Amino acid sequence: MPDITWDFTGKVALASGGASGIGRAAAAAWLAAGARVAILDQSGEHLEETAAALGAERLLAVCGDVTEVDDCERAVDETLRRFGRLDILLNSAGIGGIGRVWELDPLVWDRVLAVNLRGTFLLTRAATRWMVEQRQPDASSTSPRPTPACRPPAIPRTVHRRRGSSPSRRSRPSSSPRVA
């Protein structure tokens, strides 16, 4: 495998879920490649541990919840205040519901959707306002692996059609509503 060296000198990255997992690994890699990095995480304890492990000179740790508009706006504002720019956004905060879907509390499912979907939207919304204005749109999202409670059932690949119909003759939805 070829030896690849990345150079992120002069770049600023912001990663949600940055105190663990993919977010922390990305932050460590960006720092090693010369970037300045902000990490947003809801765990103050994990943020302190990450800052101690990775070094605080080029790292900004922001404690907040990606499901809260103000926390996402604050993470972007603090990144811009400290580093003066934002080049890269990584949405890596994510959670999953554990257990059988019929036993899963709907409140747990609501939190999964809030973190994984709303959080991605809110942080991207906050960051891209500045990034697009500065012509720096380089945003990426990751998603947590499906857990047994979130994994959809297997869908058979067999497609059943009426006798005599063919894919080319199937009606396609119209772009305008039909009036009866």
N, C-alpha and C. Protein backbone atom coordinates (compact mmCIF):
# COMPACT_ATOMS: atom_id res chain seq x y z
N MET A 1 0.85 -1.17 0.00
CA MET A 1 0.00 0.00 0.00
C MET A 1 0.90 1.25 0.00
N PRO A 2 0.60 2.21 -0.85
CA PRO A 2 1.46 3.39 -0.94
C PRO A 2 1.38 4.24 0.33
N ASP A 3 2.49 4.88 0.62
CA ASP A 3 2.56 5.78 1.77
C ASP A 3 1.99 7.13 1.34
N ILE A 4 0.86 7.52 1.91
CA ILE A 4 0.19 8.77 1.55
C ILE A 4 0.38 9.77 2.67
N THR A 5 0.82 10.96 2.31
CA THR A 5 1.00 12.02 3.28
C THR A 5 0.00 13.13 2.96
N TRP A 6 -0.77 13.50 3.96
CA TRP A 6 -1.76 14.56 3.79
C TRP A 6 -1.21 15.85 4.37
N ASP A 7 -1.48 16.96 3.71
CA ASP A 7 -1.06 18.26 4.21
C ASP A 7 -2.29 19.14 4.39
N PHE A 8 -2.66 19.37 5.62
CA PHE A 8 -3.80 20.23 5.94
C PHE A 8 -3.34 21.52 6.60
N THR A 9 -2.08 21.88 6.40
CA THR A 9 -1.56 23.12 6.96
C THR A 9 -2.39 24.29 6.48
N GLY A 10 -2.80 25.14 7.43
CA GLY A 10 -3.61 26.31 7.09
C GLY A 10 -5.10 26.03 7.03
N LYS A 11 -5.51 24.78 7.16
CA LYS A 11 -6.94 24.43 7.12
C LYS A 11 -7.50 24.34 8.53
N VAL A 12 -8.79 24.61 8.62
CA VAL A 12 -9.50 24.50 9.90
C VAL A 12 -10.67 23.54 9.72
N ALA A 13 -10.76 22.56 10.61
CA ALA A 13 -11.83 21.56 10.55
C ALA A 13 -12.67 21.63 11.82
N LEU A 14 -13.93 21.30 11.68
CA LEU A 14 -14.85 21.17 12.81
C LEU A 14 -15.51 19.81 12.70
N ALA A 15 -15.45 19.03 13.78
CA ALA A 15 -16.05 17.70 13.80
C ALA A 15 -17.00 17.57 14.98
N SER A 16 -18.24 17.17 14.69
CA SER A 16 -19.15 16.82 15.78
C SER A 16 -18.84 15.40 16.21
N GLY A 17 -19.15 15.08 17.44
CA GLY A 17 -18.78 13.77 17.96
C GLY A 17 -17.28 13.62 18.04
N GLY A 18 -16.59 14.75 18.22
CA GLY A 18 -15.14 14.78 18.12
C GLY A 18 -14.36 14.25 19.30
N ALA A 19 -15.05 13.86 20.37
CA ALA A 19 -14.33 13.36 21.54
C ALA A 19 -14.26 11.84 21.56
N SER A 20 -14.78 11.19 20.53
CA SER A 20 -14.70 9.73 20.48
C SER A 20 -14.89 9.25 19.05
N GLY A 21 -14.58 7.99 18.83
CA GLY A 21 -14.85 7.33 17.57
C GLY A 21 -14.26 8.00 16.34
N ILE A 22 -15.06 8.06 15.29
CA ILE A 22 -14.63 8.62 14.01
C ILE A 22 -14.23 10.07 14.15
N GLY A 23 -14.99 10.85 14.92
CA GLY A 23 -14.68 12.27 15.10
C GLY A 23 -13.32 12.49 15.73
N ARG A 24 -13.02 11.72 16.76
CA ARG A 24 -11.72 11.84 17.43
C ARG A 24 -10.58 11.39 16.50
N ALA A 25 -10.79 10.30 15.78
CA ALA A 25 -9.77 9.81 14.85
C ALA A 25 -9.50 10.83 13.75
N ALA A 26 -10.57 11.44 13.24
CA ALA A 26 -10.40 12.46 12.20
C ALA A 26 -9.65 13.67 12.76
N ALA A 27 -10.02 14.09 13.97
CA ALA A 27 -9.35 15.23 14.60
C ALA A 27 -7.86 14.94 14.77
N ALA A 28 -7.52 13.75 15.24
CA ALA A 28 -6.12 13.38 15.42
C ALA A 28 -5.37 13.38 14.08
N ALA A 29 -6.02 12.86 13.04
CA ALA A 29 -5.38 12.81 11.71
C ALA A 29 -5.19 14.22 11.16
N TRP A 30 -6.19 15.09 11.30
CA TRP A 30 -6.07 16.46 10.81
C TRP A 30 -4.97 17.21 11.55
N LEU A 31 -4.90 17.03 12.87
CA LEU A 31 -3.85 17.68 13.65
C LEU A 31 -2.47 17.20 13.19
N ALA A 32 -2.35 15.90 12.99
CA ALA A 32 -1.07 15.35 12.53
C ALA A 32 -0.69 15.88 11.15
N ALA A 33 -1.70 16.25 10.36
CA ALA A 33 -1.45 16.75 9.01
C ALA A 33 -1.35 18.28 8.97
N GLY A 34 -1.33 18.92 10.16
CA GLY A 34 -1.09 20.36 10.23
C GLY A 34 -2.31 21.24 10.37
N ALA A 35 -3.50 20.69 10.43
CA ALA A 35 -4.71 21.50 10.55
C ALA A 35 -4.91 22.00 11.98
N ARG A 36 -5.75 22.98 12.09
CA ARG A 36 -6.30 23.40 13.38
C ARG A 36 -7.70 22.83 13.44
N VAL A 37 -8.10 22.33 14.60
CA VAL A 37 -9.32 21.54 14.68
C VAL A 37 -10.19 21.96 15.86
N ALA A 38 -11.48 22.05 15.59
CA ALA A 38 -12.48 22.24 16.65
C ALA A 38 -13.30 20.96 16.72
N ILE A 39 -13.58 20.53 17.95
CA ILE A 39 -14.42 19.35 18.13
C ILE A 39 -15.61 19.74 19.01
N LEU A 40 -16.76 19.26 18.62
CA LEU A 40 -18.00 19.49 19.36
C LEU A 40 -18.47 18.16 19.89
N ASP A 41 -18.74 18.11 21.18
CA ASP A 41 -19.22 16.87 21.79
C ASP A 41 -20.04 17.23 23.00
N GLN A 42 -20.97 16.36 23.37
CA GLN A 42 -21.81 16.65 24.54
C GLN A 42 -21.17 16.23 25.85
N SER A 43 -20.09 15.49 25.79
CA SER A 43 -19.44 15.01 27.00
C SER A 43 -18.23 15.88 27.35
N GLY A 44 -18.39 16.71 28.37
CA GLY A 44 -17.28 17.54 28.83
C GLY A 44 -16.09 16.71 29.28
N GLU A 45 -16.37 15.59 29.92
CA GLU A 45 -15.31 14.71 30.40
C GLU A 45 -14.49 14.14 29.24
N HIS A 46 -15.19 13.67 28.21
CA HIS A 46 -14.48 13.12 27.05
C HIS A 46 -13.74 14.22 26.28
N LEU A 47 -14.29 15.43 26.25
CA LEU A 47 -13.60 16.54 25.60
C LEU A 47 -12.29 16.84 26.30
N GLU A 48 -12.31 16.88 27.64
CA GLU A 48 -11.08 17.15 28.40
C GLU A 48 -10.04 16.07 28.14
N GLU A 49 -10.48 14.83 28.13
CA GLU A 49 -9.57 13.70 27.89
C GLU A 49 -8.97 13.79 26.48
N THR A 50 -9.80 14.13 25.50
CA THR A 50 -9.34 14.24 24.11
C THR A 50 -8.36 15.39 23.97
N ALA A 51 -8.67 16.54 24.56
CA ALA A 51 -7.77 17.70 24.50
C ALA A 51 -6.42 17.37 25.13
N ALA A 52 -6.44 16.65 26.25
CA ALA A 52 -5.19 16.27 26.91
C ALA A 52 -4.38 15.31 26.03
N ALA A 53 -5.08 14.39 25.37
CA ALA A 53 -4.39 13.39 24.54
C ALA A 53 -3.86 13.99 23.23
N LEU A 54 -4.62 14.90 22.63
CA LEU A 54 -4.25 15.43 21.32
C LEU A 54 -3.49 16.74 21.38
N GLY A 55 -3.53 17.41 22.52
CA GLY A 55 -2.85 18.69 22.65
C GLY A 55 -3.79 19.84 22.35
N ALA A 56 -3.77 20.85 23.18
CA ALA A 56 -4.75 21.93 23.08
C ALA A 56 -4.28 23.12 22.23
N GLU A 57 -3.03 23.11 21.77
CA GLU A 57 -2.51 24.27 21.05
C GLU A 57 -3.30 24.56 19.77
N ARG A 58 -3.56 23.53 18.98
CA ARG A 58 -4.30 23.72 17.72
C ARG A 58 -5.66 23.05 17.77
N LEU A 59 -6.15 22.79 19.00
CA LEU A 59 -7.43 22.11 19.18
C LEU A 59 -8.36 22.96 20.03
N LEU A 60 -9.58 23.12 19.58
CA LEU A 60 -10.63 23.82 20.33
C LEU A 60 -11.69 22.80 20.68
N ALA A 61 -11.99 22.64 21.96
CA ALA A 61 -13.02 21.71 22.42
C ALA A 61 -14.25 22.52 22.81
N VAL A 62 -15.38 22.19 22.21
CA VAL A 62 -16.64 22.88 22.48
C VAL A 62 -17.65 21.87 23.00
N CYS A 63 -18.16 22.13 24.19
CA CYS A 63 -19.15 21.24 24.78
C CYS A 63 -20.54 21.70 24.34
N GLY A 64 -21.30 20.80 23.75
CA GLY A 64 -22.64 21.14 23.31
C GLY A 64 -23.35 19.94 22.71
N ASP A 65 -24.63 20.15 22.46
CA ASP A 65 -25.51 19.11 21.94
C ASP A 65 -25.89 19.46 20.50
N VAL A 66 -25.60 18.57 19.56
CA VAL A 66 -25.88 18.86 18.15
C VAL A 66 -27.36 19.03 17.86
N THR A 67 -28.22 18.62 18.77
CA THR A 67 -29.66 18.76 18.53
C THR A 67 -30.16 20.15 18.92
N GLU A 68 -29.29 20.97 19.46
CA GLU A 68 -29.67 22.32 19.89
C GLU A 68 -29.11 23.35 18.93
N VAL A 69 -29.97 24.19 18.38
CA VAL A 69 -29.57 25.23 17.42
C VAL A 69 -28.47 26.10 17.99
N ASP A 70 -28.66 26.58 19.22
CA ASP A 70 -27.68 27.49 19.83
C ASP A 70 -26.31 26.85 20.00
N ASP A 71 -26.27 25.57 20.34
CA ASP A 71 -24.99 24.89 20.52
C ASP A 71 -24.25 24.75 19.19
N CYS A 72 -24.98 24.45 18.12
CA CYS A 72 -24.35 24.35 16.80
C CYS A 72 -23.84 25.71 16.33
N GLU A 73 -24.64 26.74 16.51
CA GLU A 73 -24.23 28.10 16.14
C GLU A 73 -23.00 28.52 16.95
N ARG A 74 -23.01 28.20 18.25
CA ARG A 74 -21.90 28.56 19.12
C ARG A 74 -20.61 27.83 18.72
N ALA A 75 -20.73 26.56 18.35
CA ALA A 75 -19.54 25.79 17.93
C ALA A 75 -18.90 26.43 16.70
N VAL A 76 -19.71 26.83 15.74
CA VAL A 76 -19.18 27.48 14.54
C VAL A 76 -18.60 28.85 14.90
N ASP A 77 -19.33 29.63 15.71
CA ASP A 77 -18.85 30.96 16.10
C ASP A 77 -17.52 30.89 16.85
N GLU A 78 -17.41 29.94 17.79
CA GLU A 78 -16.16 29.81 18.55
C GLU A 78 -15.00 29.36 17.65
N THR A 79 -15.30 28.49 16.69
CA THR A 79 -14.28 28.05 15.73
C THR A 79 -13.78 29.24 14.92
N LEU A 80 -14.70 30.04 14.42
CA LEU A 80 -14.33 31.21 13.61
C LEU A 80 -13.58 32.25 14.45
N ARG A 81 -14.02 32.45 15.68
CA ARG A 81 -13.35 33.43 16.57
C ARG A 81 -11.92 32.99 16.88
N ARG A 82 -11.74 31.70 17.15
CA ARG A 82 -10.40 31.20 17.52
C ARG A 82 -9.46 31.07 16.32
N PHE A 83 -9.99 30.55 15.20
CA PHE A 83 -9.13 30.22 14.07
C PHE A 83 -9.31 31.11 12.85
N GLY A 84 -10.40 31.90 12.82
CA GLY A 84 -10.61 32.85 11.74
C GLY A 84 -11.18 32.30 10.46
N ARG A 85 -11.43 31.02 10.41
CA ARG A 85 -11.96 30.40 9.19
C ARG A 85 -12.51 29.03 9.52
N LEU A 86 -13.18 28.43 8.54
CA LEU A 86 -13.67 27.06 8.65
C LEU A 86 -13.66 26.46 7.25
N ASP A 87 -12.84 25.43 7.05
CA ASP A 87 -12.68 24.82 5.74
C ASP A 87 -13.35 23.47 5.62
N ILE A 88 -13.43 22.73 6.72
CA ILE A 88 -13.89 21.34 6.67
C ILE A 88 -14.88 21.11 7.80
N LEU A 89 -16.00 20.49 7.47
CA LEU A 89 -17.00 20.11 8.48
C LEU A 89 -17.22 18.61 8.39
N LEU A 90 -17.13 17.94 9.54
CA LEU A 90 -17.42 16.51 9.61
C LEU A 90 -18.53 16.29 10.63
N ASN A 91 -19.65 15.79 10.19
CA ASN A 91 -20.76 15.42 11.08
C ASN A 91 -20.59 13.96 11.45
N SER A 92 -19.97 13.71 12.60
CA SER A 92 -19.77 12.31 12.99
C SER A 92 -20.47 11.96 14.29
N ALA A 93 -21.19 12.91 14.89
CA ALA A 93 -21.98 12.59 16.08
C ALA A 93 -23.09 11.64 15.65
N GLY A 94 -23.28 10.59 16.40
CA GLY A 94 -24.34 9.66 16.07
C GLY A 94 -24.56 8.66 17.18
N ILE A 95 -25.80 8.21 17.29
CA ILE A 95 -26.16 7.21 18.28
C ILE A 95 -27.07 6.19 17.62
N GLY A 96 -27.30 5.09 18.30
CA GLY A 96 -28.22 4.08 17.81
C GLY A 96 -29.05 3.53 18.96
N GLY A 97 -30.22 3.03 18.63
CA GLY A 97 -31.06 2.37 19.62
C GLY A 97 -30.66 0.91 19.69
N ILE A 98 -30.55 0.38 20.88
CA ILE A 98 -30.13 -1.00 21.06
C ILE A 98 -31.34 -1.82 21.50
N GLY A 99 -31.52 -2.96 20.89
CA GLY A 99 -32.59 -3.86 21.29
C GLY A 99 -33.51 -4.19 20.15
N ARG A 100 -34.53 -4.92 20.48
CA ARG A 100 -35.53 -5.30 19.48
C ARG A 100 -36.44 -4.11 19.23
N VAL A 101 -36.78 -3.91 17.97
CA VAL A 101 -37.54 -2.73 17.60
C VAL A 101 -38.88 -2.67 18.34
N TRP A 102 -39.51 -3.78 18.58
CA TRP A 102 -40.81 -3.78 19.26
C TRP A 102 -40.67 -3.48 20.76
N GLU A 103 -39.46 -3.57 21.28
CA GLU A 103 -39.22 -3.24 22.68
C GLU A 103 -38.60 -1.86 22.86
N LEU A 104 -38.22 -1.22 21.77
CA LEU A 104 -37.54 0.07 21.83
C LEU A 104 -38.51 1.18 22.23
N ASP A 105 -38.13 1.94 23.23
CA ASP A 105 -38.94 3.07 23.68
C ASP A 105 -38.96 4.14 22.60
N PRO A 106 -40.12 4.62 22.20
CA PRO A 106 -40.19 5.67 21.18
C PRO A 106 -39.39 6.92 21.54
N LEU A 107 -39.20 7.20 22.81
CA LEU A 107 -38.39 8.35 23.20
C LEU A 107 -36.92 8.13 22.84
N VAL A 108 -36.46 6.89 22.95
CA VAL A 108 -35.10 6.57 22.53
C VAL A 108 -34.98 6.77 21.02
N TRP A 109 -35.97 6.29 20.28
CA TRP A 109 -35.95 6.45 18.82
C TRP A 109 -35.97 7.93 18.44
N ASP A 110 -36.75 8.72 19.15
CA ASP A 110 -36.78 10.16 18.88
C ASP A 110 -35.40 10.78 19.09
N ARG A 111 -34.68 10.34 20.11
CA ARG A 111 -33.33 10.87 20.36
C ARG A 111 -32.37 10.44 19.25
N VAL A 112 -32.49 9.19 18.79
CA VAL A 112 -31.65 8.71 17.68
C VAL A 112 -31.85 9.61 16.46
N LEU A 113 -33.10 9.89 16.11
CA LEU A 113 -33.38 10.75 14.97
C LEU A 113 -32.90 12.17 15.21
N ALA A 114 -33.07 12.66 16.42
CA ALA A 114 -32.64 14.03 16.73
C ALA A 114 -31.14 14.18 16.55
N VAL A 115 -30.36 13.26 17.08
CA VAL A 115 -28.89 13.36 16.98
C VAL A 115 -28.44 13.10 15.55
N ASN A 116 -28.89 12.00 14.96
CA ASN A 116 -28.37 11.57 13.67
C ASN A 116 -28.86 12.42 12.50
N LEU A 117 -30.08 12.90 12.56
CA LEU A 117 -30.62 13.68 11.45
C LEU A 117 -30.65 15.17 11.75
N ARG A 118 -31.36 15.54 12.80
CA ARG A 118 -31.47 16.97 13.13
C ARG A 118 -30.09 17.56 13.43
N GLY A 119 -29.27 16.84 14.17
CA GLY A 119 -27.94 17.33 14.51
C GLY A 119 -27.09 17.58 13.28
N THR A 120 -27.14 16.66 12.34
CA THR A 120 -26.40 16.84 11.08
C THR A 120 -26.90 18.07 10.34
N PHE A 121 -28.21 18.21 10.27
CA PHE A 121 -28.79 19.38 9.60
C PHE A 121 -28.39 20.68 10.30
N LEU A 122 -28.52 20.74 11.63
CA LEU A 122 -28.26 21.99 12.34
C LEU A 122 -26.81 22.43 12.24
N LEU A 123 -25.87 21.50 12.39
CA LEU A 123 -24.47 21.89 12.33
C LEU A 123 -24.08 22.25 10.89
N THR A 124 -24.58 21.50 9.93
CA THR A 124 -24.30 21.83 8.53
C THR A 124 -24.88 23.20 8.20
N ARG A 125 -26.06 23.47 8.66
CA ARG A 125 -26.72 24.77 8.43
C ARG A 125 -25.89 25.90 9.01
N ALA A 126 -25.41 25.72 10.24
CA ALA A 126 -24.62 26.76 10.90
C ALA A 126 -23.29 26.98 10.17
N ALA A 127 -22.63 25.90 9.79
CA ALA A 127 -21.30 26.00 9.18
C ALA A 127 -21.35 26.47 7.74
N THR A 128 -22.31 25.98 6.98
CA THR A 128 -22.30 26.30 5.56
C THR A 128 -22.67 27.75 5.27
N ARG A 129 -23.34 28.40 6.18
CA ARG A 129 -23.59 29.84 5.98
C ARG A 129 -22.27 30.56 5.74
N TRP A 130 -21.31 30.29 6.61
CA TRP A 130 -20.00 30.95 6.48
C TRP A 130 -19.19 30.32 5.36
N MET A 131 -19.20 29.00 5.25
CA MET A 131 -18.37 28.30 4.27
C MET A 131 -18.74 28.69 2.84
N VAL A 132 -20.02 28.74 2.54
CA VAL A 132 -20.44 29.09 1.18
C VAL A 132 -20.11 30.55 0.89
N GLU A 133 -20.34 31.41 1.87
CA GLU A 133 -20.00 32.83 1.69
C GLU A 133 -18.51 33.01 1.40
N GLN A 134 -17.69 32.19 2.04
CA GLN A 134 -16.23 32.26 1.85
C GLN A 134 -15.75 31.29 0.77
N ARG A 135 -16.66 30.62 0.11
CA ARG A 135 -16.36 29.63 -0.93
C ARG A 135 -15.49 28.49 -0.39
N GLN A 136 -15.88 27.97 0.76
CA GLN A 136 -15.15 26.88 1.40
C GLN A 136 -16.05 25.67 1.65
N PRO A 137 -16.94 25.29 0.73
CA PRO A 137 -17.85 24.19 1.04
C PRO A 137 -17.19 22.82 0.93
N ASP A 138 -16.83 22.23 2.05
CA ASP A 138 -16.24 20.90 2.09
C ASP A 138 -16.81 20.19 3.31
N ALA A 139 -18.07 19.82 3.23
CA ALA A 139 -18.75 19.20 4.36
C ALA A 139 -18.95 17.72 4.10
N SER A 140 -18.88 16.93 5.16
CA SER A 140 -19.04 15.50 5.06
C SER A 140 -19.85 15.00 6.23
N SER A 141 -20.62 13.97 6.00
CA SER A 141 -21.40 13.36 7.07
C SER A 141 -21.11 11.88 7.12
N THR A 142 -21.08 11.36 8.31
CA THR A 142 -20.97 9.92 8.49
C THR A 142 -22.22 9.50 9.25
N SER A 143 -22.48 8.23 9.25
CA SER A 143 -23.61 7.74 10.02
C SER A 143 -23.15 6.55 10.83
N PRO A 144 -23.75 6.38 12.00
CA PRO A 144 -23.36 5.22 12.81
C PRO A 144 -23.81 3.94 12.13
N ARG A 145 -23.13 2.85 12.45
CA ARG A 145 -23.54 1.56 11.89
C ARG A 145 -24.94 1.25 12.38
N PRO A 146 -25.77 0.61 11.53
CA PRO A 146 -27.10 0.23 11.98
C PRO A 146 -26.99 -0.77 13.13
N THR A 147 -27.80 -0.59 14.13
CA THR A 147 -27.86 -1.53 15.23
C THR A 147 -29.04 -2.45 14.97
N PRO A 148 -29.14 -3.57 15.70
CA PRO A 148 -30.26 -4.48 15.45
C PRO A 148 -31.62 -3.78 15.50
N ALA A 149 -31.78 -2.81 16.38
CA ALA A 149 -33.07 -2.12 16.49
C ALA A 149 -33.33 -1.22 15.29
N CYS A 150 -32.28 -0.75 14.64
CA CYS A 150 -32.43 0.19 13.54
C CYS A 150 -32.34 -0.48 12.18
N ARG A 151 -31.85 -1.70 12.13
CA ARG A 151 -31.63 -2.36 10.85
C ARG A 151 -32.97 -2.72 10.24
N PRO A 152 -33.21 -2.32 8.98
CA PRO A 152 -34.48 -2.66 8.35
C PRO A 152 -34.51 -4.15 8.02
N PRO A 153 -35.71 -4.72 7.92
CA PRO A 153 -35.79 -6.14 7.56
C PRO A 153 -35.32 -6.34 6.14
N ALA A 154 -34.86 -7.55 5.86
CA ALA A 154 -34.40 -7.87 4.50
C ALA A 154 -35.58 -7.78 3.54
N ILE A 155 -35.35 -7.19 2.41
CA ILE A 155 -36.40 -7.06 1.40
C ILE A 155 -36.03 -7.97 0.24
N PRO A 156 -36.96 -8.86 -0.15
CA PRO A 156 -36.64 -9.75 -1.26
C PRO A 156 -36.38 -8.96 -2.53
N ARG A 157 -35.47 -9.45 -3.34
CA ARG A 157 -35.10 -8.76 -4.57
C ARG A 157 -36.09 -9.04 -5.71
N THR A 158 -36.98 -9.98 -5.53
CA THR A 158 -37.92 -10.33 -6.59
C THR A 158 -38.92 -9.20 -6.78
N VAL A 159 -39.11 -8.81 -8.02
CA VAL A 159 -40.09 -7.77 -8.34
C VAL A 159 -41.27 -8.45 -9.01
N HIS A 160 -42.45 -8.25 -8.46
CA HIS A 160 -43.65 -8.84 -9.04
C HIS A 160 -44.34 -7.80 -9.91
N ARG A 161 -44.66 -8.22 -11.15
CA ARG A 161 -45.38 -7.33 -12.06
C ARG A 161 -46.64 -8.04 -12.53
N ARG A 162 -47.60 -7.24 -12.94
CA ARG A 162 -48.80 -7.81 -13.55
C ARG A 162 -48.41 -8.46 -14.86
N ARG A 163 -49.13 -9.48 -15.23
CA ARG A 163 -48.89 -10.16 -16.50
C ARG A 163 -49.04 -9.16 -17.64
N GLY A 164 -48.06 -9.15 -18.53
CA GLY A 164 -48.14 -8.29 -19.69
C GLY A 164 -47.54 -6.91 -19.47
N SER A 165 -47.18 -6.58 -18.26
CA SER A 165 -46.57 -5.26 -18.05
C SER A 165 -45.07 -5.38 -18.19
N SER A 166 -44.45 -4.32 -18.55
CA SER A 166 -43.00 -4.30 -18.66
C SER A 166 -42.50 -3.02 -18.03
N PRO A 167 -41.24 -3.01 -17.61
CA PRO A 167 -40.71 -1.80 -16.98
C PRO A 167 -40.83 -0.57 -17.87
N SER A 168 -40.72 -0.75 -19.17
CA SER A 168 -40.77 0.40 -20.06
C SER A 168 -42.16 1.00 -20.17
N ARG A 169 -43.21 0.20 -19.85
CA ARG A 169 -44.57 0.70 -19.97
C ARG A 169 -45.16 1.14 -18.63
N ARG A 170 -44.41 1.02 -17.57
CA ARG A 170 -44.91 1.44 -16.27
C ARG A 170 -45.10 2.95 -16.25
N SER A 171 -46.15 3.37 -15.60
CA SER A 171 -46.37 4.82 -15.51
C SER A 171 -45.44 5.42 -14.49
N ARG A 172 -44.93 6.57 -14.77
CA ARG A 172 -44.05 7.27 -13.86
C ARG A 172 -44.83 8.42 -13.25
N PRO A 173 -44.52 8.81 -12.03
CA PRO A 173 -45.23 9.91 -11.41
C PRO A 173 -45.01 11.20 -12.20
N SER A 174 -46.07 11.94 -12.32
CA SER A 174 -46.01 13.22 -13.03
C SER A 174 -45.41 14.28 -12.12
N SER A 175 -44.75 15.25 -12.72
CA SER A 175 -44.17 16.33 -11.90
C SER A 175 -45.25 17.29 -11.42
N SER A 176 -46.41 17.27 -12.05
CA SER A 176 -47.50 18.13 -11.57
C SER A 176 -48.64 17.24 -11.11
N PRO A 177 -49.40 17.70 -10.12
CA PRO A 177 -50.48 16.87 -9.59
C PRO A 177 -51.58 16.68 -10.64
N ARG A 178 -52.20 15.52 -10.59
CA ARG A 178 -53.30 15.22 -11.51
C ARG A 178 -54.60 15.63 -10.86
N VAL A 179 -55.46 16.20 -11.64
CA VAL A 179 -56.78 16.58 -11.15
C VAL A 179 -57.80 15.64 -11.76
N ALA A 180 -58.65 15.05 -10.93
CA ALA A 180 -59.65 14.10 -11.42
C ALA A 180 -60.91 14.80 -11.85
